[in-house]
C-alpha atoms as a PDB file:
ATOM      1  CA  UNK A   1     -21.072 -10.469 -21.189  1.00  0.00           C
ATOM      2  CA  UNK A   2     -22.924 -11.356 -24.363  1.00  0.00           C
ATOM      3  CA  UNK A   3     -20.858 -12.734 -27.224  1.00  0.00           C
ATOM      4  CA  UNK A   4     -21.081 -15.495 -29.773  1.00  0.00           C
ATOM      5  CA  UNK A   5     -17.588 -16.828 -28.956  1.00  0.00           C
ATOM      6  CA  UNK A   6     -17.814 -19.917 -26.799  1.00  0.00           C
ATOM      7  CA  UNK A   7     -14.832 -20.057 -24.449  1.00  0.00           C
ATOM      8  CA  UNK A   8     -16.603 -22.098 -21.795  1.00  0.00           C
ATOM      9  CA  UNK A   9     -14.047 -24.910 -22.115  1.00  0.00           C
ATOM     10  CA  UNK A  10     -11.221 -22.480 -21.246  1.00  0.00           C
ATOM     11  CA  UNK A  11     -11.904 -22.419 -17.529  1.00  0.00           C
ATOM     12  CA  UNK A  12      -8.607 -23.150 -15.767  1.00  0.00           C
ATOM     13  CA  UNK A  13      -7.532 -20.102 -13.759  1.00  0.00           C
ATOM     14  CA  UNK A  14      -3.915 -18.990 -14.334  1.00  0.00           C
ATOM     15  CA  UNK A  15      -3.061 -17.291 -11.079  1.00  0.00           C
ATOM     16  CA  UNK A  16       0.550 -16.586 -12.155  1.00  0.00           C
ATOM     17  CA  UNK A  17      -0.568 -14.734 -15.275  1.00  0.00           C
ATOM     18  CA  UNK A  18      -3.001 -12.587 -13.250  1.00  0.00           C
ATOM     19  CA  UNK A  19      -0.265 -11.697 -10.765  1.00  0.00           C
ATOM     20  CA  UNK A  20       2.209 -10.798 -13.514  1.00  0.00           C
ATOM     21  CA  UNK A  21      -0.336  -8.473 -15.133  1.00  0.00           C
ATOM     22  CA  UNK A  22      -1.286  -6.802 -11.863  1.00  0.00           C
ATOM     23  CA  UNK A  23       2.322  -6.093 -10.814  1.00  0.00           C
ATOM     24  CA  UNK A  24       3.026  -4.614 -14.257  1.00  0.00           C
ATOM     25  CA  UNK A  25      -0.174  -2.528 -14.081  1.00  0.00           C
ATOM     26  CA  UNK A  26       0.857  -1.127 -10.698  1.00  0.00           C
ATOM     27  CA  UNK A  27       4.252  -0.216 -12.216  1.00  0.00           C
ATOM     28  CA  UNK A  28       2.733   1.531 -15.235  1.00  0.00           C
ATOM     29  CA  UNK A  29       0.138   3.496 -13.218  1.00  0.00           C
ATOM     30  CA  UNK A  30       2.801   4.715 -10.808  1.00  0.00           C
ATOM     31  CA  UNK A  31       5.049   5.741 -13.699  1.00  0.00           C
ATOM     32  CA  UNK A  32       2.212   7.799 -15.297  1.00  0.00           C
ATOM     33  CA  UNK A  33       1.357   9.499 -11.988  1.00  0.00           C
ATOM     34  CA  UNK A  34       4.985  10.314 -11.219  1.00  0.00           C
ATOM     35  CA  UNK A  35       5.354  11.859 -14.665  1.00  0.00           C
ATOM     36  CA  UNK A  36       2.256  14.032 -14.137  1.00  0.00           C
ATOM     37  CA  UNK A  37       3.386  15.028 -10.646  1.00  0.00           C
ATOM     38  CA  UNK A  38       6.833  15.950 -11.873  1.00  0.00           C
ATOM     39  CA  UNK A  39       8.601  15.970  -8.495  1.00  0.00           C
ATOM     40  CA  UNK A  40       7.468  13.338  -6.000  1.00  0.00           C
ATOM     41  CA  UNK A  41       8.118   9.601  -6.141  1.00  0.00           C
ATOM     42  CA  UNK A  42       6.124   6.664  -4.791  1.00  0.00           C
ATOM     43  CA  UNK A  43       7.560   5.104  -1.665  1.00  0.00           C
ATOM     44  CA  UNK A  44       7.412   1.332  -1.772  1.00  0.00           C
ATOM     45  CA  UNK A  45       6.808  -0.982   1.171  1.00  0.00           C
ATOM     46  CA  UNK A  46       6.431  -4.751   0.997  1.00  0.00           C
ATOM     47  CA  UNK A  47       4.349  -6.439   3.693  1.00  0.00           C
ATOM     48  CA  UNK A  48       3.514  -9.945   4.790  1.00  0.00           C
ATOM     49  CA  UNK A  49       0.190 -11.151   6.133  1.00  0.00           C
ATOM     50  CA  UNK A  50       0.335 -13.590   9.055  1.00  0.00           C
ATOM     51  CA  UNK A  51      -2.523 -15.741   7.725  1.00  0.00           C
ATOM     52  CA  UNK A  52      -0.975 -15.958   4.294  1.00  0.00           C
ATOM     53  CA  UNK A  53       0.125 -13.709   1.439  1.00  0.00           C
ATOM     54  CA  UNK A  54       1.160 -10.064   1.442  1.00  0.00           C
ATOM     55  CA  UNK A  55       1.558  -7.185  -0.891  1.00  0.00           C
ATOM     56  CA  UNK A  56       3.469  -4.281  -2.391  1.00  0.00           C
ATOM     57  CA  UNK A  57       2.283  -0.867  -1.211  1.00  0.00           C
ATOM     58  CA  UNK A  58       3.160   2.247  -3.220  1.00  0.00           C
ATOM     59  CA  UNK A  59       2.287   5.592  -1.628  1.00  0.00           C
ATOM     60  CA  UNK A  60       3.026   9.158  -2.771  1.00  0.00           C
ATOM     61  CA  UNK A  61       2.419  12.093  -0.406  1.00  0.00           C
ATOM     62  CA  UNK A  62       2.791  15.868  -0.674  1.00  0.00           C
ATOM     63  CA  UNK A  63       3.755  15.942  -4.324  1.00  0.00           C
ATOM     64  CA  UNK A  64       3.582  18.983  -6.556  1.00  0.00           C
ATOM     65  CA  UNK A  65       0.299  17.719  -7.970  1.00  0.00           C
ATOM     66  CA  UNK A  66      -0.759  14.664  -5.947  1.00  0.00           C
ATOM     67  CA  UNK A  67      -1.489  15.460  -2.291  1.00  0.00           C
ATOM     68  CA  UNK A  68      -1.875  11.756  -1.516  1.00  0.00           C
ATOM     69  CA  UNK A  69      -2.006   8.717  -3.722  1.00  0.00           C
ATOM     70  CA  UNK A  70      -1.837   4.988  -3.071  1.00  0.00           C
ATOM     71  CA  UNK A  71      -1.414   2.226  -5.677  1.00  0.00           C
ATOM     72  CA  UNK A  72      -1.558  -1.069  -3.842  1.00  0.00           C
ATOM     73  CA  UNK A  73      -0.942  -4.625  -4.967  1.00  0.00           C
ATOM     74  CA  UNK A  74      -1.994  -7.484  -2.674  1.00  0.00           C
ATOM     75  CA  UNK A  75      -2.221 -11.246  -2.823  1.00  0.00           C
ATOM     76  CA  UNK A  76      -3.865 -12.681   0.295  1.00  0.00           C
ATOM     77  CA  UNK A  77      -5.158 -16.110   1.161  1.00  0.00           C
ATOM     78  CA  UNK A  78      -6.789 -18.007   3.996  1.00  0.00           C
ATOM     79  CA  UNK A  79      -8.451 -21.214   5.122  1.00  0.00           C
ATOM     80  CA  UNK A  80     -11.952 -19.698   5.535  1.00  0.00           C
ATOM     81  CA  UNK A  81     -13.719 -16.544   4.392  1.00  0.00           C
ATOM     82  CA  UNK A  82     -14.880 -13.614   6.536  1.00  0.00           C
ATOM     83  CA  UNK A  83     -18.603 -13.122   7.105  1.00  0.00           C
ATOM     84  CA  UNK A  84     -18.795 -10.246   4.556  1.00  0.00           C
ATOM     85  CA  UNK A  85     -17.977 -12.737   1.771  1.00  0.00           C
ATOM     86  CA  UNK A  86     -19.555 -16.021   2.809  1.00  0.00           C
ATOM     87  CA  UNK A  87     -22.908 -14.563   3.983  1.00  0.00           C
ATOM     88  CA  UNK A  88     -24.082 -14.096   0.389  1.00  0.00           C
ATOM     89  CA  UNK A  89     -22.224 -17.109  -1.021  1.00  0.00           C
ATOM     90  CA  UNK A  90     -22.876 -20.151   1.204  1.00  0.00           C
ATOM     91  CA  UNK A  91     -21.135 -22.374  -1.380  1.00  0.00           C
ATOM     92  CA  UNK A  92     -17.828 -20.748  -0.358  1.00  0.00           C
ATOM     93  CA  UNK A  93     -17.993 -22.083   3.187  1.00  0.00           C
ATOM     94  CA  UNK A  94     -15.143 -24.435   4.039  1.00  0.00           C
ATOM     95  CA  UNK A  95     -13.031 -23.474   1.048  1.00  0.00           C
ATOM     96  CA  UNK A  96      -9.494 -22.192   0.983  1.00  0.00           C
ATOM     97  CA  UNK A  97      -9.491 -18.792  -0.715  1.00  0.00           C
ATOM     98  CA  UNK A  98      -7.072 -16.528  -2.479  1.00  0.00           C
ATOM     99  CA  UNK A  99      -7.590 -12.911  -3.628  1.00  0.00           C
ATOM    100  CA  UNK A 100      -5.247 -10.688  -5.592  1.00  0.00           C
ATOM    101  CA  UNK A 101      -5.668  -7.249  -7.037  1.00  0.00           C
ATOM    102  CA  UNK A 102      -4.514  -3.714  -7.592  1.00  0.00           C
ATOM    103  CA  UNK A 103      -6.446  -0.924  -5.941  1.00  0.00           C
ATOM    104  CA  UNK A 104      -5.690   2.766  -6.121  1.00  0.00           C
ATOM    105  CA  UNK A 105      -7.013   6.150  -5.023  1.00  0.00           C
ATOM    106  CA  UNK A 106      -5.470   9.415  -6.140  1.00  0.00           C
ATOM    107  CA  UNK A 107      -6.228  12.691  -4.317  1.00  0.00           C
ATOM    108  CA  UNK A 108      -4.719  15.665  -6.207  1.00  0.00           C
ATOM    109  CA  UNK A 109      -4.166  18.903  -4.318  1.00  0.00           C
ATOM    110  CA  UNK A 110      -5.771  21.141  -6.929  1.00  0.00           C
ATOM    111  CA  UNK A 111      -9.556  21.236  -6.374  1.00  0.00           C
ATOM    112  CA  UNK A 112     -10.120  21.366 -10.130  1.00  0.00           C
ATOM    113  CA  UNK A 113      -8.372  17.996 -10.551  1.00  0.00           C
ATOM    114  CA  UNK A 114     -10.689  15.131  -9.620  1.00  0.00           C
ATOM    115  CA  UNK A 115     -10.086  12.264  -7.234  1.00  0.00           C
ATOM    116  CA  UNK A 116      -9.807   8.968  -9.055  1.00  0.00           C
ATOM    117  CA  UNK A 117     -10.311   5.405  -7.903  1.00  0.00           C
ATOM    118  CA  UNK A 118      -9.665   2.113  -9.698  1.00  0.00           C
ATOM    119  CA  UNK A 119      -9.566  -1.506  -8.720  1.00  0.00           C
ATOM    120  CA  UNK A 120      -9.075  -4.790 -10.587  1.00  0.00           C
ATOM    121  CA  UNK A 121      -9.117  -8.079  -8.709  1.00  0.00           C
ATOM    122  CA  UNK A 122      -9.337 -11.854  -8.992  1.00  0.00           C
ATOM    123  CA  UNK A 123     -10.764 -14.219  -6.412  1.00  0.00           C
ATOM    124  CA  UNK A 124     -10.600 -17.972  -6.216  1.00  0.00           C
ATOM    125  CA  UNK A 125     -11.925 -20.464  -3.629  1.00  0.00           C
ATOM    126  CA  UNK A 126     -10.887 -24.087  -3.844  1.00  0.00           C
ATOM    127  CA  UNK A 127     -11.608 -27.367  -2.101  1.00  0.00           C
ATOM    128  CA  UNK A 128     -10.173 -30.875  -2.535  1.00  0.00           C
ATOM    129  CA  UNK A 129     -12.093 -32.830  -5.147  1.00  0.00           C
ATOM    130  CA  UNK A 130     -14.205 -29.903  -6.330  1.00  0.00           C
ATOM    131  CA  UNK A 131     -14.007 -27.383  -9.185  1.00  0.00           C
ATOM    132  CA  UNK A 132     -12.580 -24.042  -8.063  1.00  0.00           C
ATOM    133  CA  UNK A 133     -15.021 -21.140  -7.729  1.00  0.00           C
ATOM    134  CA  UNK A 134     -13.534 -17.967  -9.194  1.00  0.00           C
ATOM    135  CA  UNK A 135     -14.436 -14.550 -10.496  1.00  0.00           C
ATOM    136  CA  UNK A 136     -13.040 -11.166 -11.522  1.00  0.00           C
ATOM    137  CA  UNK A 137     -14.198  -7.766 -10.349  1.00  0.00           C
ATOM    138  CA  UNK A 138     -13.213  -4.136 -10.514  1.00  0.00           C
ATOM    139  CA  UNK A 139     -13.787  -0.923 -12.370  1.00  0.00           C
ATOM    140  CA  UNK A 140     -12.958   2.742 -12.030  1.00  0.00           C
ATOM    141  CA  UNK A 141     -14.861   5.862 -10.997  1.00  0.00           C
ATOM    142  CA  UNK A 142     -14.210   9.603 -10.926  1.00  0.00           C
ATOM    143  CA  UNK A 143     -14.974  12.089  -8.146  1.00  0.00           C
ATOM    144  CA  UNK A 144     -14.679  15.712  -9.337  1.00  0.00           C
ATOM    145  CA  UNK A 145     -15.157  18.686  -7.036  1.00  0.00           C
ATOM    146  CA  UNK A 146     -15.708  21.055  -9.962  1.00  0.00           C
ATOM    147  CA  UNK A 147     -17.354  19.555 -13.015  1.00  0.00           C
ATOM    148  CA  UNK A 148     -16.068  19.820 -16.591  1.00  0.00           C
ATOM    149  CA  UNK A 149     -18.235  18.211 -19.263  1.00  0.00           C
ATOM    150  CA  UNK A 150     -15.211  17.406 -21.502  1.00  0.00           C
ATOM    151  CA  UNK A 151     -13.483  15.576 -18.641  1.00  0.00           C
ATOM    152  CA  UNK A 152     -16.493  13.418 -17.766  1.00  0.00           C
ATOM    153  CA  UNK A 153     -17.174  12.662 -21.415  1.00  0.00           C
ATOM    154  CA  UNK A 154     -13.594  11.590 -21.953  1.00  0.00           C
ATOM    155  CA  UNK A 155     -13.738   9.369 -18.813  1.00  0.00           C
ATOM    156  CA  UNK A 156     -16.908   7.594 -19.948  1.00  0.00           C
ATOM    157  CA  UNK A 157     -15.923   7.375 -23.625  1.00  0.00           C
ATOM    158  CA  UNK A 158     -12.664   5.657 -22.602  1.00  0.00           C
ATOM    159  CA  UNK A 159     -14.641   3.251 -20.395  1.00  0.00           C
ATOM    160  CA  UNK A 160     -17.076   2.517 -23.220  1.00  0.00           C
ATOM    161  CA  UNK A 161     -14.244   1.896 -25.684  1.00  0.00           C
ATOM    162  CA  UNK A 162     -12.605  -0.600 -23.281  1.00  0.00           C
ATOM    163  CA  UNK A 163     -15.911  -2.501 -22.960  1.00  0.00           C
ATOM    164  CA  UNK A 164     -16.858  -2.426 -26.656  1.00  0.00           C
ATOM    165  CA  UNK A 165     -14.994  -5.588 -27.802  1.00  0.00           C
ATOM    166  CA  UNK A 166     -16.808  -7.610 -25.144  1.00  0.00           C
ATOM    167  CA  UNK A 167     -20.377  -6.833 -26.182  1.00  0.00           C
ATOM    168  CA  UNK A 168     -22.674  -3.858 -26.794  1.00  0.00           C
ATOM    169  CA  UNK A 169     -24.452  -4.349 -23.472  1.00  0.00           C
ATOM    170  CA  UNK A 170     -21.320  -4.336 -21.299  1.00  0.00           C
ATOM    171  CA  UNK A 171     -20.660  -0.620 -20.861  1.00  0.00           C
ATOM    172  CA  UNK A 172     -24.286   0.383 -20.172  1.00  0.00           C
ATOM    173  CA  UNK A 173     -24.676  -2.484 -17.656  1.00  0.00           C
ATOM    174  CA  UNK A 174     -21.473  -1.801 -15.760  1.00  0.00           C
ATOM    175  CA  UNK A 175     -21.985   1.984 -15.962  1.00  0.00           C
ATOM    176  CA  UNK A 176     -25.384   1.561 -14.289  1.00  0.00           C
ATOM    177  CA  UNK A 177     -23.888  -0.811 -11.703  1.00  0.00           C
ATOM    178  CA  UNK A 178     -21.286   1.837 -10.895  1.00  0.00           C
ATOM    179  CA  UNK A 179     -23.936   4.571 -10.549  1.00  0.00           C
ATOM    180  CA  UNK A 180     -25.906   2.366  -8.135  1.00  0.00           C
ATOM    181  CA  UNK A 181     -22.873   1.126  -6.178  1.00  0.00           C
ATOM    182  CA  UNK A 182     -21.093   4.463  -5.560  1.00  0.00           C
ATOM    183  CA  UNK A 183     -24.261   6.027  -4.111  1.00  0.00           C
ATOM    184  CA  UNK A 184     -24.491   7.370  -0.542  1.00  0.00           C
ATOM    185  CA  UNK A 185     -27.932   6.129   0.456  1.00  0.00           C
ATOM    186  CA  UNK A 186     -27.982   8.186   3.653  1.00  0.00           C
ATOM    187  CA  UNK A 187     -27.369  11.341   1.593  1.00  0.00           C
ATOM    188  CA  UNK A 188     -29.363  10.280  -1.482  1.00  0.00           C
ATOM    189  CA  UNK A 189     -26.404  11.447  -3.476  1.00  0.00           C
ATOM    190  CA  UNK A 190     -23.817   9.989  -5.838  1.00  0.00           C
ATOM    191  CA  UNK A 191     -20.192   9.942  -4.752  1.00  0.00           C
ATOM    192  CA  UNK A 192     -19.027  11.223  -8.133  1.00  0.00           C
ATOM    193  CA  UNK A 193     -19.720  10.900 -11.856  1.00  0.00           C
ATOM    194  CA  UNK A 194     -19.294   7.130 -12.003  1.00  0.00           C
ATOM    195  CA  UNK A 195     -17.533   4.994 -14.559  1.00  0.00           C
ATOM    196  CA  UNK A 196     -17.568   1.176 -14.447  1.00  0.00           C
ATOM    197  CA  UNK A 197     -18.181  -1.403 -11.746  1.00  0.00           C
ATOM    198  CA  UNK A 198     -18.330  -5.175 -12.176  1.00  0.00           C
ATOM    199  CA  UNK A 199     -18.099  -8.151  -9.860  1.00  0.00           C
ATOM    200  CA  UNK A 200     -18.553 -11.953  -9.854  1.00  0.00           C
ATOM    201  CA  UNK A 201     -17.482 -12.065 -13.510  1.00  0.00           C
ATOM    202  CA  UNK A 202     -16.873 -15.632 -14.771  1.00  0.00           C
ATOM    203  CA  UNK A 203     -19.015 -15.909 -17.899  1.00  0.00           C
ATOM    204  CA  UNK A 204     -17.326 -17.126 -21.056  1.00  0.00           C
ATOM    205  CA  UNK A 205     -14.306 -18.788 -19.512  1.00  0.00           C
ATOM    206  CA  UNK A 206     -11.186 -17.639 -17.712  1.00  0.00           C
ATOM    207  CA  UNK A 207      -9.256 -16.295 -20.701  1.00  0.00           C
ATOM    208  CA  UNK A 208     -12.078 -14.041 -21.799  1.00  0.00           C
ATOM    209  CA  UNK A 209     -12.765 -12.687 -18.296  1.00  0.00           C
ATOM    210  CA  UNK A 210      -9.057 -12.096 -17.727  1.00  0.00           C
ATOM    211  CA  UNK A 211      -8.864 -10.208 -21.037  1.00  0.00           C
ATOM    212  CA  UNK A 212     -11.732  -7.980 -19.916  1.00  0.00           C
ATOM    213  CA  UNK A 213     -10.081  -7.277 -16.552  1.00  0.00           C
ATOM    214  CA  UNK A 214      -6.872  -6.328 -18.364  1.00  0.00           C
ATOM    215  CA  UNK A 215      -8.777  -4.002 -20.705  1.00  0.00           C
ATOM    216  CA  UNK A 216     -10.326  -2.170 -17.768  1.00  0.00           C
ATOM    217  CA  UNK A 217      -7.037  -1.911 -15.865  1.00  0.00           C
ATOM    218  CA  UNK A 218      -5.229  -0.537 -18.940  1.00  0.00           C
ATOM    219  CA  UNK A 219      -8.062   1.886 -19.704  1.00  0.00           C
ATOM    220  CA  UNK A 220      -7.683   3.663 -16.338  1.00  0.00           C
ATOM    221  CA  UNK A 221      -4.357   5.135 -17.464  1.00  0.00           C
ATOM    222  CA  UNK A 222      -5.748   6.608 -20.678  1.00  0.00           C
ATOM    223  CA  UNK A 223      -8.927   7.717 -18.886  1.00  0.00           C
ATOM    224  CA  UNK A 224      -7.275   9.664 -16.066  1.00  0.00           C
ATOM    225  CA  UNK A 225      -3.964  10.979 -17.421  1.00  0.00           C
ATOM    226  CA  UNK A 226      -5.397  13.608 -19.812  1.00  0.00           C
ATOM    227  CA  UNK A 227      -7.793  14.926 -17.155  1.00  0.00           C
ATOM    228  CA  UNK A 228      -5.057  15.269 -14.549  1.00  0.00           C
ATOM    229  CA  UNK A 229      -2.769  16.939 -17.117  1.00  0.00           C
ATOM    230  CA  UNK A 230      -5.511  19.438 -18.061  1.00  0.00           C
ATOM    231  CA  UNK A 231      -6.481  20.465 -14.514  1.00  0.00           C
ATOM    232  CA  UNK A 232      -3.367  20.205 -12.391  1.00  0.00           C
ATOM    233  CA  UNK A 233      -2.091  23.734 -13.059  1.00  0.00           C
ATOM    234  CA  UNK A 234      -5.404  25.630 -12.941  1.00  0.00           C
ATOM    235  CA  UNK A 235      -5.286  28.512 -10.463  1.00  0.00           C
ATOM    236  CA  UNK A 236      -7.372  27.999  -7.297  1.00  0.00           C
ATOM    237  CA  UNK A 237      -7.937  29.707  -3.968  1.00  0.00           C
ATOM    238  CA  UNK A 238      -9.313  29.120  -0.458  1.00  0.00           C
ATOM    239  CA  UNK A 239     -12.935  28.959  -1.683  1.00  0.00           C
ATOM    240  CA  UNK A 240     -12.207  26.066  -4.026  1.00  0.00           C
ATOM    241  CA  UNK A 241     -10.033  24.322  -1.432  1.00  0.00           C
ATOM    242  CA  UNK A 242     -12.741  24.660   1.218  1.00  0.00           C
ATOM    243  CA  UNK A 243     -15.330  23.033  -1.080  1.00  0.00           C
ATOM    244  CA  UNK A 244     -12.895  20.250  -2.070  1.00  0.00           C
ATOM    245  CA  UNK A 245     -12.267  19.374   1.583  1.00  0.00           C
ATOM    246  CA  UNK A 246     -15.992  19.448   2.350  1.00  0.00           C
ATOM    247  CA  UNK A 247     -16.738  17.087  -0.555  1.00  0.00           C
ATOM    248  CA  UNK A 248     -13.890  14.771   0.436  1.00  0.00           C
ATOM    249  CA  UNK A 249     -15.969  14.037   3.519  1.00  0.00           C
ATOM    250  CA  UNK A 250     -18.435  12.215   1.271  1.00  0.00           C
ATOM    251  CA  UNK A 251     -15.552  10.033   0.065  1.00  0.00           C
ATOM    252  CA  UNK A 252     -14.712   9.068   3.648  1.00  0.00           C
ATOM    253  CA  UNK A 253     -18.364   8.324   4.443  1.00  0.00           C
ATOM    254  CA  UNK A 254     -18.745   6.002   1.468  1.00  0.00           C
ATOM    255  CA  UNK A 255     -15.526   4.100   2.123  1.00  0.00           C
ATOM    256  CA  UNK A 256     -16.245   3.495   5.776  1.00  0.00           C
ATOM    257  CA  UNK A 257     -19.978   2.737   5.494  1.00  0.00           C
ATOM    258  CA  UNK A 258     -20.535   1.026   2.125  1.00  0.00           C
ATOM    259  CA  UNK A 259     -17.316   0.009   0.394  1.00  0.00           C
ATOM    260  CA  UNK A 260     -17.177  -3.788   0.066  1.00  0.00           C
ATOM    261  CA  UNK A 261     -13.399  -3.843  -0.409  1.00  0.00           C
ATOM    262  CA  UNK A 262     -12.829  -1.897   2.828  1.00  0.00           C
ATOM    263  CA  UNK A 263     -15.170  -4.185   4.751  1.00  0.00           C
ATOM    264  CA  UNK A 264     -13.674  -7.374   3.256  1.00  0.00           C
ATOM    265  CA  UNK A 265     -10.142  -6.158   3.966  1.00  0.00           C
ATOM    266  CA  UNK A 266     -10.797  -5.294   7.584  1.00  0.00           C
ATOM    267  CA  UNK A 267     -12.885  -8.398   8.309  1.00  0.00           C
ATOM    268  CA  UNK A 268     -10.344 -10.728   6.688  1.00  0.00           C
ATOM    269  CA  UNK A 269      -7.486  -9.378   8.803  1.00  0.00           C
ATOM    270  CA  UNK A 270      -5.952  -7.394   5.945  1.00  0.00           C
ATOM    271  CA  UNK A 271      -3.312  -4.723   6.385  1.00  0.00           C
ATOM    272  CA  UNK A 272      -5.107  -1.700   7.824  1.00  0.00           C
ATOM    273  CA  UNK A 273      -2.621   0.836   6.472  1.00  0.00           C
ATOM    274  CA  UNK A 274      -3.138  -0.462   2.950  1.00  0.00           C
ATOM    275  CA  UNK A 275      -6.915  -0.664   3.299  1.00  0.00           C
ATOM    276  CA  UNK A 276      -7.309   2.884   4.628  1.00  0.00           C
ATOM    277  CA  UNK A 277      -4.735   4.494   2.295  1.00  0.00           C
ATOM    278  CA  UNK A 278      -7.768   5.558   0.244  1.00  0.00           C
ATOM    279  CA  UNK A 279      -8.616   8.201   2.859  1.00  0.00           C
ATOM    280  CA  UNK A 280      -7.932  11.791   1.860  1.00  0.00           C
ATOM    281  CA  UNK A 281      -5.212  13.559   3.888  1.00  0.00           C
ATOM    282  CA  UNK A 282      -7.398  16.524   4.806  1.00  0.00           C
ATOM    283  CA  UNK A 283     -11.208  16.706   5.143  1.00  0.00           C
ATOM    284  CA  UNK A 284     -13.801  19.123   6.511  1.00  0.00           C
ATOM    285  CA  UNK A 285     -17.341  18.469   7.670  1.00  0.00           C
ATOM    286  CA  UNK A 286     -20.025  21.103   8.196  1.00  0.00           C
ATOM    287  CA  UNK A 287     -23.483  21.014   9.675  1.00  0.00           C
ATOM    288  CA  UNK A 288     -26.195  21.144   6.994  1.00  0.00           C
ATOM    289  CA  UNK A 289     -24.143  23.142   4.515  1.00  0.00           C
ATOM    290  CA  UNK A 290     -25.735  23.990   1.145  1.00  0.00           C
ATOM    291  CA  UNK A 291     -24.076  25.562  -1.936  1.00  0.00           C
ATOM    292  CA  UNK A 292     -25.424  28.941  -3.098  1.00  0.00           C
ATOM    293  CA  UNK A 293     -27.663  28.799  -6.181  1.00  0.00           C
ATOM    294  CA  UNK A 294     -25.957  29.607  -9.414  1.00  0.00           C
ATOM    295  CA  UNK A 295     -22.422  28.841  -8.181  1.00  0.00           C
ATOM    296  CA  UNK A 296     -19.973  26.252  -9.656  1.00  0.00           C
ATOM    297  CA  UNK A 297     -20.389  24.382  -6.374  1.00  0.00           C
ATOM    298  CA  UNK A 298     -24.148  24.105  -6.948  1.00  0.00           C
ATOM    299  CA  UNK A 299     -23.493  22.987 -10.543  1.00  0.00           C
ATOM    300  CA  UNK A 300     -21.714  19.900  -9.240  1.00  0.00           C
ATOM    301  CA  UNK A 301     -24.897  18.772  -7.450  1.00  0.00           C
ATOM    302  CA  UNK A 302     -27.274  19.777 -10.253  1.00  0.00           C
ATOM    303  CA  UNK A 303     -25.432  18.870 -13.449  1.00  0.00           C
ATOM    304  CA  UNK A 304     -22.807  16.275 -12.574  1.00  0.00           C
ATOM    305  CA  UNK A 305     -23.770  14.058  -9.641  1.00  0.00           C
ATOM    306  CA  UNK A 306     -27.192  12.904 -10.904  1.00  0.00           C
ATOM    307  CA  UNK A 307     -26.506   9.854 -13.172  1.00  0.00           C
ATOM    308  CA  UNK A 308     -26.803  10.595 -16.883  1.00  0.00           C
ATOM    309  CA  UNK A 309     -25.628   9.391 -20.293  1.00  0.00           C
ATOM    310  CA  UNK A 310     -22.188  10.967 -20.835  1.00  0.00           C
ATOM    311  CA  UNK A 311     -21.497   9.467 -24.268  1.00  0.00           C
END
């Protein structure tokens, strides 16, 4: 992040402050989603990890609006990192590590209401007599089944506004990173319409990076709530549902093949139920299916999935 403010001296990670923010963020996101659903409530389950740490899982299923949603807090730790993490960062070898974050995926029942994903996290690896290695990561992205320009513009404008105080280059950089990350290489196709993705963030000192992570976490609520409110009551039928379930298959493919968080969670002995809560409750696959030209389904592929400037 480019900025004239020099916060490089402010580099002591405050794990307690990060945890407090994340638990509160989980609370506020769940409250917003329950209000939009109008009938269902999140079920809470606390869990403990044998190797160290645990979490607070919140899951809502079969609501009036949300078919399945998970908003998960976790704080896990260990004596050594899994291969998925240390392969690219040899300096992490032999360090005790700790990771905490909030991760969520919301699958509404209405095909006109998009699936949403968000994640904010903090990682630290420490060793006796050495400076801790730490960074923040996260972002949010939107996966519509039927595209609405006003929804995608609102999503990206909210993302850009959250990034603006941290430098003019931040939104375009993290928007591009998101477009490149949430891409199904084997399909040559984007998962959705993007948003923000950042990782390994430690420039400018702890306080500044933490402020950025908070801005992104908070922005998810104002980015998603109006879209869900606008689309949740639109009438739909079997045609729309069929296409939604077909497109959800892409979501599953991405999460199981490419998603770093899924791979890290499974390789580090994380809680499988929490890691795979992102999976949609119902999915359909078809052999070599193609949308008919001129249909709203074809418009998703032609007008919404190819990366573009939404501002």
